[in-house]
Amino acid sequence: MTISRRNIIKFGIGATTMLATGTNPFAAMAADCKGKIPIGLQLYSVREACQKDLPGVLKKVAAMGYDGVEFAGYYGFSADELKKMLDENGLKCCGTHIRREDLIGDNLQKTIDFNKKIGNRYLIVAWMPHSYMKSIDTIKEAAKFFNDVAAKAKKQGMLVGYHAHGGDFKKVGGQTETAWNMLFNNLDPEVVMQMDMGNCRGGGGDPIAVLKKYPGRAKTVHLKEDGGKKDALIGEGEIDWKAVFDICKSTGGTEWMIVEYEHKPRELDPVGKCLKNVRKMLK
């Protein structure tokens, strides 16, 4: 069965409507990793395995050596249940992929409350319909939306961001800038620029150039390969990972690097190999 990120997020976020409001302190993030940028796993990478047995997946992901996980749906579990599973496995929540609608009106507070309970401060809009990135006017409207909700979330210690997809790196309306650059040129600095290396490069963009263009904005990034052999693991394709890691460690402001591998959603072995490759390249 094919499970789309859109549907996982759509049905997973519904758990927030059952949340009783309340706050817990955030789990310590990068400070626990002795100056190194911690590495998380986007659970969309193993979405079919998560649907079958999320507790088992979290246990195995922790055993692989991941520092945290980023959610893309909650598979019917409450915030308290998720936090308990994370704590039992020594994992932190390094983000959650949500819909734009989850930041609108009363949903914003529900989303914040849910994520405070699981120890997460990164609220990342996973995708937007193409209509939001099709013209200068619609891009400016999207930027205003993100700036407004980011300002509200900031008052409660939360960060709002947007995740890169290939279509974001097309030029719009005869402009010299890509839709992505036009969006981030109009966004306040606190809006997280979640660069996805594979999506950017696959869409015709240059992720390294984008990271350099917006210093301090890439608080969380997605490590995804592009090019190389079919279903290439991280480190087996054509992305210059040394350059990516150098920017993340120097000017990127990166607090989490998050592995995403989309090709075999039922299998955990590939994401374990991706982590090994990343740690080897970081030495």
Protein backbone atom coordinates (compact mmCIF):
# COMPACT_ATOMS: atom_id res chain seq x y z
CA MET A 1 0.00 0.00 0.00
CA THR A 2 1.29 3.45 -0.88
CA ILE A 3 1.03 6.01 1.91
CA SER A 4 1.55 9.64 0.92
CA ARG A 5 3.12 12.22 3.19
CA ARG A 6 0.04 14.36 2.62
CA ASN A 7 -2.32 11.69 3.96
CA ILE A 8 -0.10 10.71 6.88
CA ILE A 9 0.00 14.32 8.00
CA LYS A 10 -3.71 14.83 7.35
CA PHE A 11 -4.81 11.93 9.53
CA GLY A 12 -1.99 12.09 12.07
CA ILE A 13 -2.56 15.70 13.02
CA GLY A 14 -6.12 14.86 14.00
CA ALA A 15 -4.73 13.69 17.31
CA THR A 16 -4.22 17.31 18.32
CA THR A 17 -7.96 17.84 18.52
CA MET A 18 -8.07 15.45 21.49
CA LEU A 19 -5.30 17.20 23.39
CA ALA A 20 -5.98 18.84 26.72
CA THR A 21 -3.89 21.99 26.84
CA GLY A 22 -0.77 22.05 28.93
CA THR A 23 2.98 22.53 28.58
CA ASN A 24 6.07 20.57 29.47
CA PRO A 25 9.65 21.85 29.24
CA PHE A 26 11.33 21.15 25.93
CA ALA A 27 13.86 18.36 25.88
CA ALA A 28 17.43 19.61 25.50
CA MET A 29 18.36 19.62 21.84
CA ALA A 30 21.81 20.16 20.37
CA ALA A 31 23.34 20.93 23.76
CA ASP A 32 23.31 17.23 24.65
CA CYS A 33 25.50 16.29 21.71
CA LYS A 34 28.81 17.81 22.86
CA GLY A 35 28.95 20.48 20.20
CA LYS A 36 28.09 18.14 17.33
CA ILE A 37 24.96 18.60 15.26
CA PRO A 38 22.59 15.76 16.22
CA ILE A 39 21.11 13.54 13.54
CA GLY A 40 17.43 12.65 13.34
CA LEU A 41 15.32 10.49 11.08
CA GLN A 42 12.23 11.71 9.23
CA LEU A 43 9.84 8.87 9.99
CA TYR A 44 8.21 9.26 6.58
CA SER A 45 11.26 7.27 5.43
CA VAL A 46 9.79 4.20 7.14
CA ARG A 47 6.14 5.16 7.04
CA GLU A 48 4.75 1.71 6.26
CA ALA A 49 6.76 0.17 9.07
CA CYS A 50 5.53 2.93 11.40
CA GLN A 51 1.93 2.28 10.46
CA LYS A 52 2.38 -1.36 11.42
CA ASP A 53 4.44 -0.91 14.61
CA LEU A 54 5.54 2.60 15.61
CA PRO A 55 6.85 1.57 19.08
CA GLY A 56 8.99 -1.12 17.46
CA VAL A 57 10.30 1.29 14.84
CA LEU A 58 11.33 3.85 17.45
CA LYS A 59 13.18 1.17 19.41
CA LYS A 60 15.09 0.07 16.30
CA VAL A 61 15.83 3.63 15.20
CA ALA A 62 17.32 4.39 18.61
CA ALA A 63 19.42 1.22 18.44
CA MET A 64 20.82 2.39 15.09
CA GLY A 65 22.22 5.46 16.84
CA TYR A 66 19.82 8.19 15.76
CA ASP A 67 19.52 11.09 18.20
CA GLY A 68 15.93 11.94 17.36
CA VAL A 69 12.99 11.61 15.00
CA GLU A 70 10.86 13.98 12.99
CA PHE A 71 7.21 13.02 12.72
CA ALA A 72 4.97 13.14 9.65
CA GLY A 73 1.78 11.98 11.34
CA TYR A 74 1.30 10.25 14.68
CA TYR A 75 -0.33 6.94 13.71
CA GLY A 76 -3.17 7.32 16.20
CA PHE A 77 -1.00 7.85 19.29
CA SER A 78 -1.59 10.67 21.77
CA ALA A 79 1.08 13.22 22.68
CA ASP A 80 1.60 11.59 26.08
CA GLU A 81 2.04 8.17 24.47
CA LEU A 82 4.53 9.53 21.94
CA LYS A 83 6.56 11.31 24.62
CA LYS A 84 6.71 8.13 26.69
CA MET A 85 7.96 6.14 23.69
CA LEU A 86 10.57 8.77 22.89
CA ASP A 87 11.82 8.90 26.47
CA GLU A 88 11.96 5.12 26.78
CA ASN A 89 14.26 4.99 23.75
CA GLY A 90 16.39 8.04 24.53
CA LEU A 91 15.13 9.89 21.47
CA LYS A 92 14.24 13.55 21.06
CA CYS A 93 11.65 14.98 18.72
CA CYS A 94 13.50 17.10 16.18
CA GLY A 95 10.44 18.33 14.32
CA THR A 96 7.04 17.54 12.96
CA HIS A 97 5.71 17.88 9.42
CA ILE A 98 2.28 19.46 9.41
CA ARG A 99 -0.24 21.00 7.04
CA ARG A 100 -0.63 24.74 6.54
CA GLU A 101 -4.15 24.35 7.99
CA ASP A 102 -2.69 23.19 11.31
CA LEU A 103 -1.37 26.72 11.89
CA ILE A 104 -4.63 28.53 11.16
CA GLY A 105 -7.01 29.88 13.81
CA ASP A 106 -7.58 27.66 16.85
CA ASN A 107 -5.53 24.90 15.22
CA LEU A 108 -2.34 26.86 15.89
CA GLN A 109 -2.69 26.59 19.66
CA LYS A 110 -3.71 22.94 19.44
CA THR A 111 -0.64 22.23 17.33
CA ILE A 112 1.62 24.12 19.74
CA ASP A 113 0.17 22.35 22.78
CA PHE A 114 0.56 18.91 21.19
CA ASN A 115 4.17 19.57 20.23
CA LYS A 116 5.11 21.02 23.59
CA LYS A 117 3.99 17.74 25.11
CA ILE A 118 6.25 15.70 22.85
CA GLY A 119 9.19 18.06 23.39
CA ASN A 120 9.25 19.54 19.89
CA ARG A 121 9.67 23.19 18.96
CA TYR A 122 10.00 22.87 15.16
CA LEU A 123 6.65 23.14 13.34
CA ILE A 124 7.44 22.54 9.67
CA VAL A 125 4.85 22.91 6.93
CA ALA A 126 5.61 19.89 4.78
CA TRP A 127 4.23 21.17 1.47
CA MET A 128 1.97 23.78 -0.09
CA PRO A 129 -0.16 23.46 -3.21
CA HIS A 130 1.52 24.81 -6.33
CA SER A 131 -0.95 27.70 -6.37
CA TYR A 132 0.88 29.31 -3.44
CA MET A 133 4.17 29.44 -5.35
CA LYS A 134 2.94 30.36 -8.83
CA SER A 135 3.25 34.16 -8.83
CA ILE A 136 4.90 37.05 -7.03
CA ASP A 137 1.60 38.00 -5.39
CA THR A 138 0.77 34.53 -4.10
CA ILE A 139 4.32 34.06 -2.82
CA LYS A 140 4.09 37.33 -0.90
CA GLU A 141 0.75 36.19 0.53
CA ALA A 142 2.37 32.94 1.65
CA ALA A 143 5.25 34.89 3.21
CA LYS A 144 2.81 37.06 5.16
CA PHE A 145 1.08 33.95 6.47
CA PHE A 146 4.33 32.38 7.65
CA ASN A 147 5.57 35.63 9.21
CA ASP A 148 2.31 36.09 11.11
CA VAL A 149 2.12 32.55 12.52
CA ALA A 150 5.86 32.46 13.26
CA ALA A 151 5.53 35.63 15.34
CA LYS A 152 2.65 34.09 17.31
CA ALA A 153 4.47 30.80 17.82
CA LYS A 154 7.68 32.53 18.85
CA LYS A 155 5.93 33.94 21.93
CA GLN A 156 5.56 30.36 23.13
CA GLY A 157 9.09 29.28 22.27
CA MET A 158 8.15 27.56 19.01
CA LEU A 159 9.61 27.83 15.52
CA VAL A 160 7.62 27.66 12.28
CA GLY A 161 9.20 26.66 8.99
CA TYR A 162 8.71 25.43 5.44
CA HIS A 163 10.12 22.28 3.83
CA ALA A 164 11.62 22.33 0.34
CA HIS A 165 10.10 20.51 -2.63
CA GLY A 166 11.41 20.34 -6.17
CA GLY A 167 8.78 22.63 -7.66
CA ASP A 168 9.87 25.45 -5.34
CA PHE A 169 13.04 25.89 -7.39
CA LYS A 170 11.38 26.94 -10.62
CA LYS A 171 11.50 30.57 -11.72
CA VAL A 172 8.21 32.42 -11.58
CA GLY A 173 6.69 34.87 -14.01
CA GLY A 174 9.84 35.71 -15.92
CA GLN A 175 11.72 36.54 -12.70
CA THR A 176 15.41 35.81 -12.22
CA GLU A 177 14.81 34.37 -8.75
CA THR A 178 13.26 30.98 -7.98
CA ALA A 179 9.98 30.75 -6.11
CA TRP A 180 11.94 29.49 -3.08
CA ASN A 181 14.26 32.49 -3.04
CA MET A 182 11.37 34.88 -3.56
CA LEU A 183 9.58 33.32 -0.59
CA PHE A 184 12.57 33.48 1.74
CA ASN A 185 13.47 36.98 0.59
CA ASN A 186 10.10 37.99 2.06
CA LEU A 187 10.23 35.87 5.21
CA ASP A 188 11.40 37.02 8.61
CA PRO A 189 14.70 35.45 9.75
CA GLU A 190 13.05 33.31 12.42
CA VAL A 191 11.05 31.30 9.85
CA VAL A 192 12.95 28.03 9.49
CA MET A 193 14.28 27.24 6.04
CA GLN A 194 14.16 23.44 5.99
CA MET A 195 16.32 22.78 2.97
CA ASP A 196 15.92 19.29 1.51
CA MET A 197 19.12 18.64 -0.43
CA GLY A 198 17.68 15.97 -2.72
CA ASN A 199 14.42 17.77 -3.45
CA CYS A 200 16.22 21.01 -4.23
CA ARG A 201 18.77 19.47 -6.55
CA GLY A 202 16.18 17.20 -8.15
CA GLY A 203 14.05 20.26 -8.90
CA GLY A 204 16.89 22.04 -10.66
CA GLY A 205 18.11 24.05 -7.67
CA ASP A 206 21.51 24.25 -6.00
CA PRO A 207 21.13 23.42 -2.30
CA ILE A 208 24.63 24.55 -1.43
CA ALA A 209 24.07 27.95 -3.04
CA VAL A 210 20.77 28.32 -1.18
CA LEU A 211 22.37 27.45 2.17
CA LYS A 212 25.06 30.06 1.52
CA LYS A 213 22.51 32.68 0.45
CA TYR A 214 20.53 32.44 3.70
CA PRO A 215 23.00 32.08 6.59
CA GLY A 216 21.53 31.14 9.93
CA ARG A 217 18.17 30.16 8.43
CA ALA A 218 18.66 26.39 8.06
CA LYS A 219 17.93 25.39 11.65
CA THR A 220 16.88 21.94 10.48
CA VAL A 221 17.86 20.37 7.17
CA HIS A 222 16.93 17.20 5.32
CA LEU A 223 19.74 14.93 4.19
CA LYS A 224 18.42 13.28 1.05
CA GLU A 225 20.50 12.01 -1.85
CA ASP A 226 20.10 12.90 -5.52
CA GLY A 227 21.67 11.28 -8.56
CA GLY A 228 23.77 8.14 -8.65
CA LYS A 229 22.37 4.62 -8.92
CA LYS A 230 18.71 3.73 -8.45
CA ASP A 231 17.60 4.11 -4.82
CA ALA A 232 21.01 5.48 -3.85
CA LEU A 233 21.70 5.82 -0.15
CA ILE A 234 23.06 9.06 1.26
CA GLY A 235 26.67 9.29 0.16
CA GLU A 236 26.16 7.20 -2.99
CA GLY A 237 24.82 9.96 -5.25
CA GLU A 238 26.02 13.28 -6.59
CA ILE A 239 25.48 15.73 -3.75
CA ASP A 240 28.64 17.34 -2.33
CA TRP A 241 28.02 16.32 1.26
CA LYS A 242 31.27 17.76 2.56
CA ALA A 243 30.19 21.21 1.39
CA VAL A 244 26.73 20.70 2.92
CA PHE A 245 28.12 19.64 6.29
CA ASP A 246 30.68 22.46 6.32
CA ILE A 247 27.92 25.05 5.85
CA CYS A 248 25.65 23.43 8.43
CA LYS A 249 28.47 23.49 10.98
CA SER A 250 29.62 27.03 10.19
CA THR A 251 27.10 29.54 8.81
CA GLY A 252 23.88 27.51 8.46
CA GLY A 253 22.78 27.83 12.07
CA THR A 254 21.82 24.16 11.85
CA GLU A 255 20.50 22.55 15.03
CA TRP A 256 19.43 19.21 13.51
CA MET A 257 20.38 17.24 10.40
CA ILE A 258 17.55 14.89 9.46
CA VAL A 259 17.94 11.83 7.25
CA GLU A 260 15.14 11.16 4.77
CA TYR A 261 15.15 8.13 2.50
CA GLU A 262 11.90 7.61 0.63
CA HIS A 263 12.49 4.53 -1.52
CA LYS A 264 11.72 1.55 0.78
CA PRO A 265 9.14 2.63 3.37
CA ARG A 266 8.68 -0.85 4.84
CA GLU A 267 12.38 -1.45 5.49
CA LEU A 268 14.59 -0.09 8.26
CA ASP A 269 17.94 -1.36 7.02
CA PRO A 270 18.44 1.45 4.43
CA VAL A 271 18.02 4.25 6.99
CA GLY A 272 20.52 2.52 9.24
CA LYS A 273 23.02 2.42 6.38
CA CYS A 274 22.31 6.08 5.59
CA LEU A 275 23.17 7.01 9.17
CA LYS A 276 26.41 5.05 9.03
CA ASN A 277 27.37 6.81 5.79
CA VAL A 278 26.59 10.24 7.25
CA ARG A 279 28.62 9.61 10.39
CA LYS A 280 31.52 8.34 8.29
CA MET A 281 31.46 11.46 6.10
CA LEU A 282 31.32 13.70 9.17
CA LYS A 283 34.58 12.30 10.58
